[in-house]
Structures are given as C-alpha cells and as structure tokens.
Amino acid sequence: MTDLTKYKENKKTQFLASEYERLEKQEREAHTAAGGDEALLSLAEEEIRELGMQKEALIKQMEGILAEEEIEDAFPNEIILEVRAGAGGEEASLFASKLIDMYRKFAERQGWTTNIVSESKSDLGGYKEVVLAIRGKDVYLKLRFETGVHRVQRVPTTEKSGRIHTSTASVVILPIRKRVKVDINPADIEMEFSRSGGAGGQNVNKVETAVRLIHRPTGIDARSQSERSQAQNRERAMAVLTAKLEAAHEEEESKKYAANRKEQIGTGDRSEKIRTYNMLQDRVTDHRIKESWHNVAVILDGHIDEILEALTRRGSAERGVSS
C-alpha cells in the first residue's frame, strides 16, 4: 500500500488522498468478489487495471501540488523590503527615498500591491528608514538579489562648489514564508506601543496603535504603524520579526557552508556594496556581475527590469539551470 501520510497532512491534498483510499478499497472488493470464477476474474482484472490508472493519476496530481508548494515556499509571493539611509546624512535619506520610490513604481507596473509598514522621515522629507510590504506573483523571485548597499554619486543642488557627494542606503529583502522554520518563544518577545504618525485619520495620533516587537535573545526588532488597530499592527510586526529572524538564521547557516553555496551572486549580506548609481556619468553599475546600464532617471523611475533579468540569468547560470 502507498504511504499517504504526507498527502493527508496537507490541506490541499487531503481530499485527493481520501479518493485514493476509496479506489484502493474498490480494488480489494474487486479481488474478493471475483473469488475463483474465471469470468468474474477477467472482469475484475479490467476494473483493477482502470482503478490502477486512476490511482496513478491521483498520485501525479498530489505530487504536482506538493511540488508547487515547495516552489512557493522557496520563492514566496510576499516580501518585506527595508530601505535604510547609510553614509551621507540628509543626502543618504533623500537617496533612500528615491530607492523606495523606484521599487514602488516597479511593483505598480508588475501589478503587485505595496503597503508601508513603518517609516521614519528626515528633516528634508527623505527616509531615515522605511519598511514596505509587497505582495504579488514572483515578487521574491524577481527582487531576491536586491539586498545590499546601494551607492549614489552626484552633485547635490545645495553644493555650491560642484563637489561630488557619495551617499549610501542599504536594502534588505525578506521573504514572508507560510512555513516558518525558526522556533520563537513568546516569552522572548518584548512589546512596546506608541502613537502612529502620518496619514490615517484623526485616530492616528490619539491612540497607541503602533507596535514594536523586540526579540530579546538577538535584539532584532520590528515595527508596524500602518494598520488601523493595535492587533493588526501586532500581527504585521510579528510577520516582519519572523522574517528577520529567519533571514538571520539563514545567514548564519550560509556562513557555515559558504564553500558549498550554489548561488554566488553576492552574499546576501546587507553590508555588501552591490550597486552604484552614478548621476554624472548617467550610469548604473552592478558590481556583482560587472554590468552597467545607462539612463539613471528611467531606472529610478522603476524601470529596473533589465537589471533584475541580468541578475537572474547569472544566478541561473551559476546553478547550472537555464534561465
């Protein structure tokens, strides 16, 4: 008998597994009913052959469903995108704002939905830090190589001597997976509440709806201020915290087995400089694959398709898979 345990445990295949069991029961009944009668045995063999084909089709269908889930778990359709200003003061904050606009415009063109989870603005309207939730088909598959330090070289409008400034912002892509791989003890979570800032109606600044969660053992934290209720913000913050803890765990594991890593496009480390946006030369260069593209204004307007496709091709080639 076929072991149906994994199919019974999965909600998407439970019904098909019960159908498989029903067919097995029919097979047994067909054998029993035939007894020693040759004519009945001939009919039973035909029925059993047909039942066997139906069982085989069910197994293929269930395996297909599980395979799809594996792919979805590896490349989920929801991510957290975090952009944080780095070196360069206010210029870095303005650059962080440009980056988040770039990703939001790209997401809009893909038909994805975006939602600001939390934000901290600078005096000139840039972002010190912003966390964006993005949901849509292939979102992690397409944006997974964006983690790292992005650098801009330009002459700010406030610079009278024409001196070139270099500013940085870090980008982190965190997949939101349905199957959580890390164990989180609720007792290790510290919770803080505060008033939400920004748009959202009169309720925003009067009630402490914003939630910050801190994982005491690691010091990793997550904040959500965009939802209307404290409970919703707590749920969103927990999803972000879980994603951060999973990413930290995966980073530790990848360091242990660095020599055996299949994918060598960067380390996935937020401290790695991955790309430079040179405004004076109108050029964007990705340092990991040593490729450049022109027309920075168009790229910052969300047209990053060519860059992402080049990274995907290189990643696929290094895994020995056709892109």
Foldseek 3Di string as FASTA:
>chain_A
DDDCVVQCVDPVRVVLSVVLVVLVVVLVVQVVVCPPPPVSVVVSVVSNVVSVVVNVVSVVVSVVVVVVLVVCQVQPQKKKKKKAWDPDPPVSQQVSQLQVLLAVLLLVVVVKDKDWFDFDADPVGGTRMTIMMIGDPRPCVLCVLQFAKEKEWAQDPPRPVRDIDITIMGMAIFDQGPDQDDDADPVQKDKDWAAADDDDDPQRHPDRQKMKIARNVVRDIFIGRGDDHNVVRVVVRVSVSSRVVVVVVVLVVCVVVVVPDQFVQDSSDRHHHAWYCYPVVQWIAGVSVGDIDGNSVVSSNNPCVVVSVVSSCNRCVSNVHHD
